[in-house]
C-alpha cells in the first residue's frame, strides 16, 4: 500500500433543500457568519474545518452529509481506494481555484469524499 500524508477530514458538505433557512440554522449553530455565500453554495470556516451547504445536492447523488478527506494526490488516492474495493461515484473534478474533489462509495454504500488543494 502506498504511503500517503492524509490530512484528515477538514471539509463536510451538507445537502440542503432551502439554502436561506439552512444558512440561518448553521449561522446560529456555529456562531459565525459564512465566509462564502452564493446561490449555489454557503461555506463556513470554523475550528479548522470547512462546513458547506449545497442546495440541490440530490442531483449530485448527495443524500446525506459527505466528509472530505484532504489528500496530497487525489488521483493516487483514488487508485488506492478503488484497488481496495471502492467504487467511483464522481471522478476528480476541478471545482475552482485548482481544488480537486472526487467521491467514492465503500462496499456498504457510504460516500467518501477526497479533496486536493493545489
PDB file of N, CA and C in Angstrom:
ATOM      1  N   UNK A   1       0.844  -1.178   0.000  1.00  0.00           N
ATOM      2  CA  UNK A   1       0.000   0.000   0.000  1.00  0.00           C
ATOM      3  C   UNK A   1       0.890   1.242   0.000  1.00  0.00           C
ATOM      4  N   UNK A   2       0.582   2.193  -0.847  1.00  0.00           N
ATOM      5  CA  UNK A   2       1.377   3.415  -0.941  1.00  0.00           C
ATOM      6  C   UNK A   2       1.181   4.268   0.307  1.00  0.00           C
ATOM      7  N   UNK A   3       2.250   4.907   0.709  1.00  0.00           N
ATOM      8  CA  UNK A   3       2.179   5.786   1.864  1.00  0.00           C
ATOM      9  C   UNK A   3       1.608   7.125   1.423  1.00  0.00           C
ATOM     10  N   UNK A   4       0.712   7.680   2.230  1.00  0.00           N
ATOM     11  CA  UNK A   4       0.150   8.985   1.888  1.00  0.00           C
ATOM     12  C   UNK A   4       0.046   9.833   3.140  1.00  0.00           C
ATOM     13  N   UNK A   5       0.094  11.111   2.936  1.00  0.00           N
ATOM     14  CA  UNK A   5       0.004  12.051   4.047  1.00  0.00           C
ATOM     15  C   UNK A   5      -1.420  12.583   4.132  1.00  0.00           C
ATOM     16  N   UNK A   6      -2.343  11.725   4.551  1.00  0.00           N
ATOM     17  CA  UNK A   6      -3.731  12.155   4.721  1.00  0.00           C
ATOM     18  C   UNK A   6      -3.751  13.279   5.742  1.00  0.00           C
ATOM     19  N   UNK A   7      -4.472  14.321   5.436  1.00  0.00           N
ATOM     20  CA  UNK A   7      -4.538  15.472   6.318  1.00  0.00           C
ATOM     21  C   UNK A   7      -5.780  15.449   7.197  1.00  0.00           C
ATOM     22  N   UNK A   8      -6.568  14.395   7.080  1.00  0.00           N
ATOM     23  CA  UNK A   8      -7.766  14.260   7.900  1.00  0.00           C
ATOM     24  C   UNK A   8      -8.994  14.843   7.237  1.00  0.00           C
ATOM     25  N   UNK A   9     -10.092  14.746   7.953  1.00  0.00           N
ATOM     26  CA  UNK A   9     -11.356  15.304   7.466  1.00  0.00           C
ATOM     27  C   UNK A   9     -11.370  16.776   7.833  1.00  0.00           C
ATOM     28  N   UNK A  10     -11.354  17.611   6.822  1.00  0.00           N
ATOM     29  CA  UNK A  10     -11.364  19.053   7.056  1.00  0.00           C
ATOM     30  C   UNK A  10     -12.582  19.713   6.424  1.00  0.00           C
ATOM     31  N   UNK A  11     -13.312  18.964   5.598  1.00  0.00           N
ATOM     32  CA  UNK A  11     -14.445  19.532   4.885  1.00  0.00           C
ATOM     33  C   UNK A  11     -15.637  18.595   5.008  1.00  0.00           C
ATOM     34  N   UNK A  12     -16.791  19.150   5.368  1.00  0.00           N
ATOM     35  CA  UNK A  12     -18.032  18.389   5.411  1.00  0.00           C
ATOM     36  C   UNK A  12     -19.078  19.190   4.652  1.00  0.00           C
ATOM     37  N   UNK A  13     -19.662  18.558   3.633  1.00  0.00           N
ATOM     38  CA  UNK A  13     -20.701  19.213   2.848  1.00  0.00           C
ATOM     39  C   UNK A  13     -22.060  18.622   3.219  1.00  0.00           C
ATOM     40  N   UNK A  14     -23.025  19.496   3.425  1.00  0.00           N
ATOM     41  CA  UNK A  14     -24.374  19.095   3.809  1.00  0.00           C
ATOM     42  C   UNK A  14     -25.351  19.444   2.681  1.00  0.00           C
ATOM     43  N   UNK A  15     -26.112  18.461   2.191  1.00  0.00           N
ATOM     44  CA  UNK A  15     -27.133  18.771   1.204  1.00  0.00           C
ATOM     45  C   UNK A  15     -28.297  19.485   1.896  1.00  0.00           C
ATOM     46  N   UNK A  16     -28.815  20.532   1.278  1.00  0.00           N
ATOM     47  CA  UNK A  16     -29.935  21.276   1.864  1.00  0.00           C
ATOM     48  C   UNK A  16     -30.988  21.554   0.788  1.00  0.00           C
ATOM     49  N   UNK A  17     -32.240  21.652   1.229  1.00  0.00           N
ATOM     50  CA  UNK A  17     -33.335  21.960   0.303  1.00  0.00           C
ATOM     51  C   UNK A  17     -33.592  23.458   0.241  1.00  0.00           C
ATOM     52  N   UNK A  18     -33.485  24.134   1.380  1.00  0.00           N
ATOM     53  CA  UNK A  18     -33.755  25.574   1.470  1.00  0.00           C
ATOM     54  C   UNK A  18     -32.478  26.249   1.971  1.00  0.00           C
ATOM     55  N   UNK A  19     -31.704  26.810   1.049  1.00  0.00           N
ATOM     56  CA  UNK A  19     -30.397  27.361   1.378  1.00  0.00           C
ATOM     57  C   UNK A  19     -30.490  28.507   2.383  1.00  0.00           C
ATOM     58  N   UNK A  20     -31.468  29.384   2.229  1.00  0.00           N
ATOM     59  CA  UNK A  20     -31.577  30.538   3.130  1.00  0.00           C
ATOM     60  C   UNK A  20     -31.875  30.093   4.562  1.00  0.00           C
ATOM     61  N   UNK A  21     -32.783  29.151   4.728  1.00  0.00           N
ATOM     62  CA  UNK A  21     -33.108  28.664   6.063  1.00  0.00           C
ATOM     63  C   UNK A  21     -31.929  27.895   6.647  1.00  0.00           C
ATOM     64  N   UNK A  22     -31.300  27.067   5.825  1.00  0.00           N
ATOM     65  CA  UNK A  22     -30.133  26.316   6.296  1.00  0.00           C
ATOM     66  C   UNK A  22     -29.028  27.277   6.734  1.00  0.00           C
ATOM     67  N   UNK A  23     -28.818  28.340   5.968  1.00  0.00           N
ATOM     68  CA  UNK A  23     -27.796  29.327   6.343  1.00  0.00           C
ATOM     69  C   UNK A  23     -28.102  29.912   7.715  1.00  0.00           C
ATOM     70  N   UNK A  24     -29.349  30.236   7.981  1.00  0.00           N
ATOM     71  CA  UNK A  24     -29.734  30.780   9.290  1.00  0.00           C
ATOM     72  C   UNK A  24     -29.449  29.788  10.410  1.00  0.00           C
ATOM     73  N   UNK A  25     -29.802  28.524  10.185  1.00  0.00           N
ATOM     74  CA  UNK A  25     -29.598  27.490  11.205  1.00  0.00           C
ATOM     75  C   UNK A  25     -28.110  27.287  11.486  1.00  0.00           C
ATOM     76  N   UNK A  26     -27.307  27.145  10.433  1.00  0.00           N
ATOM     77  CA  UNK A  26     -25.877  26.895  10.622  1.00  0.00           C
ATOM     78  C   UNK A  26     -25.161  28.121  11.186  1.00  0.00           C
ATOM     79  N   UNK A  27     -25.609  29.324  10.834  1.00  0.00           N
ATOM     80  CA  UNK A  27     -25.030  30.537  11.408  1.00  0.00           C
ATOM     81  C   UNK A  27     -25.288  30.570  12.907  1.00  0.00           C
ATOM     82  N   UNK A  28     -26.514  30.200  13.309  1.00  0.00           N
ATOM     83  CA  UNK A  28     -26.839  30.149  14.740  1.00  0.00           C
ATOM     84  C   UNK A  28     -26.030  29.059  15.434  1.00  0.00           C
ATOM     85  N   UNK A  29     -25.923  27.887  14.819  1.00  0.00           N
ATOM     86  CA  UNK A  29     -25.186  26.771  15.402  1.00  0.00           C
ATOM     87  C   UNK A  29     -23.705  27.097  15.578  1.00  0.00           C
ATOM     88  N   UNK A  30     -23.093  27.621  14.524  1.00  0.00           N
ATOM     89  CA  UNK A  30     -21.650  27.849  14.523  1.00  0.00           C
ATOM     90  C   UNK A  30     -21.239  29.164  15.186  1.00  0.00           C
ATOM     91  N   UNK A  31     -22.177  30.094  15.284  1.00  0.00           N
ATOM     92  CA  UNK A  31     -21.893  31.364  15.935  1.00  0.00           C
ATOM     93  C   UNK A  31     -21.058  32.319  15.107  1.00  0.00           C
ATOM     94  N   UNK A  32     -20.966  32.068  13.788  1.00  0.00           N
ATOM     95  CA  UNK A  32     -20.241  32.959  12.887  1.00  0.00           C
ATOM     96  C   UNK A  32     -21.021  33.107  11.588  1.00  0.00           C
ATOM     97  N   UNK A  33     -20.722  34.169  10.863  1.00  0.00           N
ATOM     98  CA  UNK A  33     -21.315  34.352   9.539  1.00  0.00           C
ATOM     99  C   UNK A  33     -20.518  33.530   8.531  1.00  0.00           C
ATOM    100  N   UNK A  34     -21.160  33.105   7.458  1.00  0.00           N
ATOM    101  CA  UNK A  34     -20.428  32.332   6.445  1.00  0.00           C
ATOM    102  C   UNK A  34     -19.380  33.185   5.743  1.00  0.00           C
ATOM    103  N   UNK A  35     -18.287  32.531   5.319  1.00  0.00           N
ATOM    104  CA  UNK A  35     -17.238  33.211   4.569  1.00  0.00           C
ATOM    105  C   UNK A  35     -17.537  33.215   3.074  1.00  0.00           C
ATOM    106  N   UNK A  36     -18.342  32.248   2.616  1.00  0.00           N
ATOM    107  CA  UNK A  36     -18.712  32.150   1.206  1.00  0.00           C
ATOM    108  C   UNK A  36     -20.226  32.087   1.111  1.00  0.00           C
ATOM    109  N   UNK A  37     -20.797  32.986   0.314  1.00  0.00           N
ATOM    110  CA  UNK A  37     -22.251  32.978   0.121  1.00  0.00           C
ATOM    111  C   UNK A  37     -22.536  33.179  -1.356  1.00  0.00           C
ATOM    112  N   UNK A  38     -23.265  32.235  -1.941  1.00  0.00           N
ATOM    113  CA  UNK A  38     -23.718  32.374  -3.319  1.00  0.00           C
ATOM    114  C   UNK A  38     -25.044  31.638  -3.443  1.00  0.00           C
ATOM    115  N   UNK A  39     -25.639  31.686  -4.620  1.00  0.00           N
ATOM    116  CA  UNK A  39     -26.906  30.987  -4.845  1.00  0.00           C
ATOM    117  C   UNK A  39     -26.737  29.477  -4.863  1.00  0.00           C
ATOM    118  N   UNK A  40     -25.503  28.999  -5.046  1.00  0.00           N
ATOM    119  CA  UNK A  40     -25.275  27.564  -5.160  1.00  0.00           C
ATOM    120  C   UNK A  40     -24.397  26.993  -4.052  1.00  0.00           C
ATOM    121  N   UNK A  41     -24.008  27.827  -3.072  1.00  0.00           N
ATOM    122  CA  UNK A  41     -23.133  27.320  -2.009  1.00  0.00           C
ATOM    123  C   UNK A  41     -22.997  28.343  -0.888  1.00  0.00           C
ATOM    124  N   UNK A  42     -23.026  27.854   0.343  1.00  0.00           N
ATOM    125  CA  UNK A  42     -22.704  28.674   1.512  1.00  0.00           C
ATOM    126  C   UNK A  42     -21.654  27.906   2.298  1.00  0.00           C
ATOM    127  N   UNK A  43     -20.546  28.579   2.646  1.00  0.00           N
ATOM    128  CA  UNK A  43     -19.456  27.896   3.342  1.00  0.00           C
ATOM    129  C   UNK A  43     -18.970  28.633   4.568  1.00  0.00           C
ATOM    130  N   UNK A  44     -18.670  27.850   5.597  1.00  0.00           N
ATOM    131  CA  UNK A  44     -18.163  28.364   6.862  1.00  0.00           C
ATOM    132  C   UNK A  44     -16.789  27.760   7.138  1.00  0.00           C
ATOM    133  N   UNK A  45     -15.878  28.553   7.654  1.00  0.00           N
ATOM    134  CA  UNK A  45     -14.588  28.059   8.122  1.00  0.00           C
ATOM    135  C   UNK A  45     -14.555  28.267   9.624  1.00  0.00           C
ATOM    136  N   UNK A  46     -14.566  27.154  10.360  1.00  0.00           N
ATOM    137  CA  UNK A  46     -14.636  27.227  11.818  1.00  0.00           C
ATOM    138  C   UNK A  46     -13.833  26.079  12.438  1.00  0.00           C
ATOM    139  N   UNK A  47     -13.034  26.400  13.415  1.00  0.00           N
ATOM    140  CA  UNK A  47     -12.275  25.398  14.181  1.00  0.00           C
ATOM    141  C   UNK A  47     -11.466  24.460  13.286  1.00  0.00           C
ATOM    142  N   UNK A  48     -10.861  25.005  12.235  1.00  0.00           N
ATOM    143  CA  UNK A  48     -10.031  24.194  11.355  1.00  0.00           C
ATOM    144  C   UNK A  48     -10.796  23.330  10.366  1.00  0.00           C
ATOM    145  N   UNK A  49     -12.095  23.517  10.283  1.00  0.00           N
ATOM    146  CA  UNK A  49     -12.905  22.755   9.333  1.00  0.00           C
ATOM    147  C   UNK A  49     -13.686  23.694   8.434  1.00  0.00           C
ATOM    148  N   UNK A  50     -14.041  23.158   7.265  1.00  0.00           N
ATOM    149  CA  UNK A  50     -14.915  23.894   6.354  1.00  0.00           C
ATOM    150  C   UNK A  50     -16.251  23.158   6.316  1.00  0.00           C
ATOM    151  N   UNK A  51     -17.318  23.878   6.613  1.00  0.00           N
ATOM    152  CA  UNK A  51     -18.672  23.332   6.586  1.00  0.00           C
ATOM    153  C   UNK A  51     -19.389  23.993   5.420  1.00  0.00           C
ATOM    154  N   UNK A  52     -19.869  23.182   4.478  1.00  0.00           N
ATOM    155  CA  UNK A  52     -20.529  23.717   3.294  1.00  0.00           C
ATOM    156  C   UNK A  52     -21.969  23.271   3.191  1.00  0.00           C
ATOM    157  N   UNK A  53     -22.813  24.164   2.701  1.00  0.00           N
ATOM    158  CA  UNK A  53     -24.226  23.878   2.457  1.00  0.00           C
ATOM    159  C   UNK A  53     -24.443  23.880   0.951  1.00  0.00           C
ATOM    160  N   UNK A  54     -24.988  22.781   0.429  1.00  0.00           N
ATOM    161  CA  UNK A  54     -25.129  22.600  -1.014  1.00  0.00           C
ATOM    162  C   UNK A  54     -26.594  22.380  -1.363  1.00  0.00           C
ATOM    163  N   UNK A  55     -27.257  23.377  -1.978  1.00  0.00           N
ATOM    164  CA  UNK A  55     -28.641  23.169  -2.387  1.00  0.00           C
ATOM    165  C   UNK A  55     -28.713  22.274  -3.623  1.00  0.00           C
ATOM    166  N   UNK A  56     -29.779  21.516  -3.740  1.00  0.00           N
ATOM    167  CA  UNK A  56     -29.953  20.664  -4.910  1.00  0.00           C
ATOM    168  C   UNK A  56     -28.920  19.565  -5.002  1.00  0.00           C
ATOM    169  N   UNK A  57     -28.315  19.198  -3.882  1.00  0.00           N
ATOM    170  CA  UNK A  57     -27.237  18.211  -3.901  1.00  0.00           C
ATOM    171  C   UNK A  57     -27.729  16.818  -4.276  1.00  0.00           C
ATOM    172  N   UNK A  58     -29.030  16.588  -4.137  1.00  0.00           N
ATOM    173  CA  UNK A  58     -29.582  15.293  -4.517  1.00  0.00           C
ATOM    174  C   UNK A  58     -29.325  14.970  -5.973  1.00  0.00           C
ATOM    175  N   UNK A  59     -29.278  15.997  -6.812  1.00  0.00           N
ATOM    176  CA  UNK A  59     -28.997  15.776  -8.233  1.00  0.00           C
ATOM    177  C   UNK A  59     -27.545  15.382  -8.456  1.00  0.00           C
ATOM    178  N   UNK A  60     -26.698  15.585  -7.428  1.00  0.00           N
ATOM    179  CA  UNK A  60     -25.289  15.198  -7.485  1.00  0.00           C
ATOM    180  C   UNK A  60     -25.055  13.882  -6.753  1.00  0.00           C
ATOM    181  N   UNK A  61     -26.146  13.201  -6.385  1.00  0.00           N
ATOM    182  CA  UNK A  61     -26.027  11.933  -5.683  1.00  0.00           C
ATOM    183  C   UNK A  61     -25.757  12.084  -4.199  1.00  0.00           C
ATOM    184  N   UNK A  62     -26.005  13.273  -3.652  1.00  0.00           N
ATOM    185  CA  UNK A  62     -25.748  13.540  -2.241  1.00  0.00           C
ATOM    186  C   UNK A  62     -27.062  13.496  -1.473  1.00  0.00           C
ATOM    187  N   UNK A  63     -27.257  12.477  -0.652  1.00  0.00           N
ATOM    188  CA  UNK A  63     -28.489  12.382   0.129  1.00  0.00           C
ATOM    189  C   UNK A  63     -28.230  12.547   1.630  1.00  0.00           C
ATOM    190  N   UNK A  64     -26.971  12.641   2.003  1.00  0.00           N
ATOM    191  CA  UNK A  64     -26.569  12.823   3.403  1.00  0.00           C
ATOM    192  C   UNK A  64     -25.257  13.609   3.400  1.00  0.00           C
ATOM    193  N   UNK A  65     -24.847  14.142   4.545  1.00  0.00           N
ATOM    194  CA  UNK A  65     -23.568  14.852   4.581  1.00  0.00           C
ATOM    195  C   UNK A  65     -22.428  13.969   4.078  1.00  0.00           C
ATOM    196  N   UNK A  66     -21.475  14.605   3.402  1.00  0.00           N
ATOM    197  CA  UNK A  66     -20.302  13.898   2.888  1.00  0.00           C
ATOM    198  C   UNK A  66     -19.059  14.524   3.507  1.00  0.00           C
ATOM    199  N   UNK A  67     -18.233  13.676   4.101  1.00  0.00           N
ATOM    200  CA  UNK A  67     -16.966  14.143   4.662  1.00  0.00           C
ATOM    201  C   UNK A  67     -15.892  14.029   3.593  1.00  0.00           C
ATOM    202  N   UNK A  68     -15.033  15.020   3.538  1.00  0.00           N
ATOM    203  CA  UNK A  68     -13.957  15.050   2.546  1.00  0.00           C
ATOM    204  C   UNK A  68     -12.612  14.927   3.236  1.00  0.00           C
ATOM    205  N   UNK A  69     -11.894  13.868   2.880  1.00  0.00           N
ATOM    206  CA  UNK A  69     -10.538  13.635   3.368  1.00  0.00           C
ATOM    207  C   UNK A  69      -9.588  14.433   2.485  1.00  0.00           C
ATOM    208  N   UNK A  70      -8.775  15.270   3.078  1.00  0.00           N
ATOM    209  CA  UNK A  70      -7.813  16.065   2.328  1.00  0.00           C
ATOM    210  C   UNK A  70      -6.574  15.217   2.062  1.00  0.00           C
ATOM    211  N   UNK A  71      -6.214  15.133   0.789  1.00  0.00           N
ATOM    212  CA  UNK A  71      -5.099  14.272   0.361  1.00  0.00           C
ATOM    213  C   UNK A  71      -4.136  15.075  -0.511  1.00  0.00           C
ATOM    214  N   UNK A  72      -2.869  14.677  -0.556  1.00  0.00           N
ATOM    215  CA  UNK A  72      -1.899  15.406  -1.367  1.00  0.00           C
ATOM    216  C   UNK A  72      -1.979  15.065  -2.851  1.00  0.00           C
ATOM    217  N   UNK A  73      -2.483  13.875  -3.209  1.00  0.00           N
ATOM    218  CA  UNK A  73      -2.546  13.441  -4.604  1.00  0.00           C
ATOM    219  C   UNK A  73      -3.841  12.671  -4.811  1.00  0.00           C
ATOM    220  N   UNK A  74      -4.852  13.353  -5.306  1.00  0.00           N
ATOM    221  CA  UNK A  74      -6.179  12.755  -5.415  1.00  0.00           C
ATOM    222  C   UNK A  74      -6.216  11.556  -6.367  1.00  0.00           C
ATOM    223  N   UNK A  75      -5.498  11.621  -7.475  1.00  0.00           N
ATOM    224  CA  UNK A  75      -5.514  10.502  -8.428  1.00  0.00           C
ATOM    225  C   UNK A  75      -4.866   9.257  -7.822  1.00  0.00           C
ATOM    226  N   UNK A  76      -3.771   9.434  -7.094  1.00  0.00           N
ATOM    227  CA  UNK A  76      -3.112   8.295  -6.449  1.00  0.00           C
ATOM    228  C   UNK A  76      -4.016   7.691  -5.382  1.00  0.00           C
ATOM    229  N   UNK A  77      -4.683   8.542  -4.602  1.00  0.00           N
ATOM    230  CA  UNK A  77      -5.563   8.038  -3.551  1.00  0.00           C
ATOM    231  C   UNK A  77      -6.788   7.360  -4.157  1.00  0.00           C
ATOM    232  N   UNK A  78      -7.322   7.913  -5.237  1.00  0.00           N
ATOM    233  CA  UNK A  78      -8.437   7.250  -5.927  1.00  0.00           C
ATOM    234  C   UNK A  78      -8.029   5.850  -6.373  1.00  0.00           C
ATOM    235  N   UNK A  79      -6.861   5.733  -6.965  1.00  0.00           N
ATOM    236  CA  UNK A  79      -6.380   4.425  -7.428  1.00  0.00           C
ATOM    237  C   UNK A  79      -6.269   3.451  -6.257  1.00  0.00           C
ATOM    238  N   UNK A  80      -5.773   3.932  -5.118  1.00  0.00           N
ATOM    239  CA  UNK A  80      -5.626   3.078  -3.931  1.00  0.00           C
ATOM    240  C   UNK A  80      -6.964   2.571  -3.423  1.00  0.00           C
ATOM    241  N   UNK A  81      -7.933   3.478  -3.276  1.00  0.00           N
ATOM    242  CA  UNK A  81      -9.205   3.050  -2.696  1.00  0.00           C
ATOM    243  C   UNK A  81     -10.020   2.213  -3.678  1.00  0.00           C
ATOM    244  N   UNK A  82      -9.870   2.466  -4.972  1.00  0.00           N
ATOM    245  CA  UNK A  82     -10.549   1.633  -5.980  1.00  0.00           C
ATOM    246  C   UNK A  82      -9.955   0.226  -5.957  1.00  0.00           C
ATOM    247  N   UNK A  83      -8.639   0.135  -5.883  1.00  0.00           N
ATOM    248  CA  UNK A  83      -7.985  -1.173  -5.812  1.00  0.00           C
ATOM    249  C   UNK A  83      -8.407  -1.934  -4.556  1.00  0.00           C
ATOM    250  N   UNK A  84      -8.757  -1.204  -3.509  1.00  0.00           N
ATOM    251  CA  UNK A  84      -9.163  -1.821  -2.251  1.00  0.00           C
ATOM    252  C   UNK A  84     -10.644  -2.209  -2.241  1.00  0.00           C
ATOM    253  N   UNK A  85     -11.401  -1.799  -3.276  1.00  0.00           N
ATOM    254  CA  UNK A  85     -12.805  -2.205  -3.353  1.00  0.00           C
ATOM    255  C   UNK A  85     -13.828  -1.092  -3.422  1.00  0.00           C
ATOM    256  N   UNK A  86     -13.408   0.170  -3.383  1.00  0.00           N
ATOM    257  CA  UNK A  86     -14.345   1.284  -3.502  1.00  0.00           C
ATOM    258  C   UNK A  86     -14.765   1.454  -4.960  1.00  0.00           C
ATOM    259  N   UNK A  87     -15.879   2.150  -5.153  1.00  0.00           N
ATOM    260  CA  UNK A  87     -16.397   2.432  -6.489  1.00  0.00           C
ATOM    261  C   UNK A  87     -16.478   3.944  -6.677  1.00  0.00           C
ATOM    262  N   UNK A  88     -16.017   4.434  -7.809  1.00  0.00           N
ATOM    263  CA  UNK A  88     -16.079   5.874  -8.085  1.00  0.00           C
ATOM    264  C   UNK A  88     -17.533   6.305  -8.243  1.00  0.00           C
ATOM    265  N   UNK A  89     -17.906   7.331  -7.497  1.00  0.00           N
ATOM    266  CA  UNK A  89     -19.222   7.946  -7.659  1.00  0.00           C
ATOM    267  C   UNK A  89     -19.088   9.167  -8.567  1.00  0.00           C
ATOM    268  N   UNK A  90     -18.141  10.027  -8.251  1.00  0.00           N
ATOM    269  CA  UNK A  90     -17.828  11.204  -9.067  1.00  0.00           C
ATOM    270  C   UNK A  90     -16.312  11.276  -9.207  1.00  0.00           C
ATOM    271  N   UNK A  91     -15.795  11.217 -10.441  1.00  0.00           N
ATOM    272  CA  UNK A  91     -14.340  11.287 -10.623  1.00  0.00           C
ATOM    273  C   UNK A  91     -13.803  12.661 -10.234  1.00  0.00           C
ATOM    274  N   UNK A  92     -12.507  12.757 -10.086  1.00  0.00           N
ATOM    275  CA  UNK A  92     -11.872  14.014  -9.704  1.00  0.00           C
ATOM    276  C   UNK A  92     -12.239  15.117 -10.694  1.00  0.00           C
ATOM    277  N   UNK A  93     -12.641  16.249 -10.145  1.00  0.00           N
ATOM    278  CA  UNK A  93     -13.011  17.401 -10.965  1.00  0.00           C
ATOM    279  C   UNK A  93     -12.556  18.672 -10.261  1.00  0.00           C
ATOM    280  N   UNK A  94     -12.146  19.647 -11.043  1.00  0.00           N
ATOM    281  CA  UNK A  94     -11.734  20.945 -10.516  1.00  0.00           C
ATOM    282  C   UNK A  94     -12.990  21.748 -10.211  1.00  0.00           C
ATOM    283  N   UNK A  95     -13.137  22.179  -8.964  1.00  0.00           N
ATOM    284  CA  UNK A  95     -14.306  22.962  -8.567  1.00  0.00           C
ATOM    285  C   UNK A  95     -13.958  24.433  -8.390  1.00  0.00           C
ATOM    286  N   UNK A  96     -12.790  24.819  -8.879  1.00  0.00           N
ATOM    287  CA  UNK A  96     -12.387  26.217  -8.838  1.00  0.00           C
ATOM    288  C   UNK A  96     -11.132  26.417  -8.019  1.00  0.00           C
ATOM    289  N   UNK A  97     -10.296  27.292  -8.489  1.00  0.00           N
ATOM    290  CA  UNK A  97      -9.076  27.627  -7.781  1.00  0.00           C
ATOM    291  C   UNK A  97      -8.076  26.486  -7.673  1.00  0.00           C
ATOM    292  N   UNK A  98      -8.187  25.510  -8.568  1.00  0.00           N
ATOM    293  CA  UNK A  98      -7.282  24.378  -8.533  1.00  0.00           C
ATOM    294  C   UNK A  98      -7.656  23.305  -7.528  1.00  0.00           C
ATOM    295  N   UNK A  99      -8.776  23.480  -6.837  1.00  0.00           N
ATOM    296  CA  UNK A  99      -9.242  22.477  -5.864  1.00  0.00           C
ATOM    297  C   UNK A  99      -9.904  21.333  -6.618  1.00  0.00           C
ATOM    298  N   UNK A 100      -9.426  20.113  -6.349  1.00  0.00           N
ATOM    299  CA  UNK A 100      -9.976  18.918  -6.973  1.00  0.00           C
ATOM    300  C   UNK A 100     -10.776  18.141  -5.942  1.00  0.00           C
ATOM    301  N   UNK A 101     -11.957  17.660  -6.336  1.00  0.00           N
ATOM    302  CA  UNK A 101     -12.766  16.830  -5.453  1.00  0.00           C
ATOM    303  C   UNK A 101     -13.238  15.597  -6.209  1.00  0.00           C
ATOM    304  N   UNK A 102     -13.439  14.528  -5.478  1.00  0.00           N
ATOM    305  CA  UNK A 102     -13.973  13.280  -6.030  1.00  0.00           C
ATOM    306  C   UNK A 102     -14.729  12.581  -4.915  1.00  0.00           C
ATOM    307  N   UNK A 103     -15.655  11.703  -5.294  1.00  0.00           N
ATOM    308  CA  UNK A 103     -16.319  10.876  -4.298  1.00  0.00           C
ATOM    309  C   UNK A 103     -16.305   9.430  -4.753  1.00  0.00           C
ATOM    310  N   UNK A 104     -16.214   8.554  -3.753  1.00  0.00           N
ATOM    311  CA  UNK A 104     -16.289   7.114  -3.975  1.00  0.00           C
ATOM    312  C   UNK A 104     -17.289   6.556  -2.975  1.00  0.00           C
ATOM    313  N   UNK A 105     -17.753   5.342  -3.247  1.00  0.00           N
ATOM    314  CA  UNK A 105     -18.574   4.645  -2.264  1.00  0.00           C
ATOM    315  C   UNK A 105     -17.817   3.416  -1.799  1.00  0.00           C
ATOM    316  N   UNK A 106     -17.928   3.146  -0.498  1.00  0.00           N
ATOM    317  CA  UNK A 106     -17.304   1.932   0.019  1.00  0.00           C
ATOM    318  C   UNK A 106     -18.247   0.762  -0.243  1.00  0.00           C
ATOM    319  N   UNK A 107     -17.875  -0.428   0.171  1.00  0.00           N
ATOM    320  CA  UNK A 107     -18.675  -1.611  -0.135  1.00  0.00           C
ATOM    321  C   UNK A 107     -20.041  -1.601   0.543  1.00  0.00           C
ATOM    322  N   UNK A 108     -20.230  -0.740   1.542  1.00  0.00           N
ATOM    323  CA  UNK A 108     -21.516  -0.641   2.222  1.00  0.00           C
ATOM    324  C   UNK A 108     -22.367   0.517   1.704  1.00  0.00           C
ATOM    325  N   UNK A 109     -21.872   1.215   0.680  1.00  0.00           N
ATOM    326  CA  UNK A 109     -22.623   2.324   0.101  1.00  0.00           C
ATOM    327  C   UNK A 109     -22.367   3.669   0.746  1.00  0.00           C
ATOM    328  N   UNK A 110     -21.456   3.740   1.706  1.00  0.00           N
ATOM    329  CA  UNK A 110     -21.106   5.028   2.309  1.00  0.00           C
ATOM    330  C   UNK A 110     -20.320   5.870   1.329  1.00  0.00           C
ATOM    331  N   UNK A 111     -20.645   7.143   1.247  1.00  0.00           N
ATOM    332  CA  UNK A 111     -19.948   8.050   0.334  1.00  0.00           C
ATOM    333  C   UNK A 111     -18.773   8.673   1.061  1.00  0.00           C
ATOM    334  N   UNK A 112     -17.588   8.572   0.430  1.00  0.00           N
ATOM    335  CA  UNK A 112     -16.360   9.155   0.971  1.00  0.00           C
ATOM    336  C   UNK A 112     -15.853  10.192  -0.013  1.00  0.00           C
ATOM    337  N   UNK A 113     -15.564  11.379   0.484  1.00  0.00           N
ATOM    338  CA  UNK A 113     -15.054  12.433  -0.375  1.00  0.00           C
ATOM    339  C   UNK A 113     -13.544  12.542  -0.268  1.00  0.00           C
ATOM    340  N   UNK A 114     -12.916  12.878  -1.377  1.00  0.00           N
ATOM    341  CA  UNK A 114     -11.482  13.163  -1.430  1.00  0.00           C
ATOM    342  C   UNK A 114     -11.327  14.584  -1.944  1.00  0.00           C
ATOM    343  N   UNK A 115     -10.375  15.318  -1.386  1.00  0.00           N
ATOM    344  CA  UNK A 115     -10.164  16.709  -1.771  1.00  0.00           C
ATOM    345  C   UNK A 115      -8.677  16.985  -1.816  1.00  0.00           C
ATOM    346  N   UNK A 116      -8.247  17.603  -2.911  1.00  0.00           N
ATOM    347  CA  UNK A 116      -6.847  18.015  -3.062  1.00  0.00           C
ATOM    348  C   UNK A 116      -6.816  19.498  -3.383  1.00  0.00           C
ATOM    349  N   UNK A 117      -6.114  20.253  -2.554  1.00  0.00           N
ATOM    350  CA  UNK A 117      -5.899  21.664  -2.850  1.00  0.00           C
ATOM    351  C   UNK A 117      -4.615  21.798  -3.646  1.00  0.00           C
ATOM    352  N   UNK A 118      -4.596  22.785  -4.547  1.00  0.00           N
ATOM    353  CA  UNK A 118      -3.385  22.974  -5.362  1.00  0.00           C
ATOM    354  C   UNK A 118      -2.265  23.578  -4.564  1.00  0.00           C
TER     355      UNK A 118
END
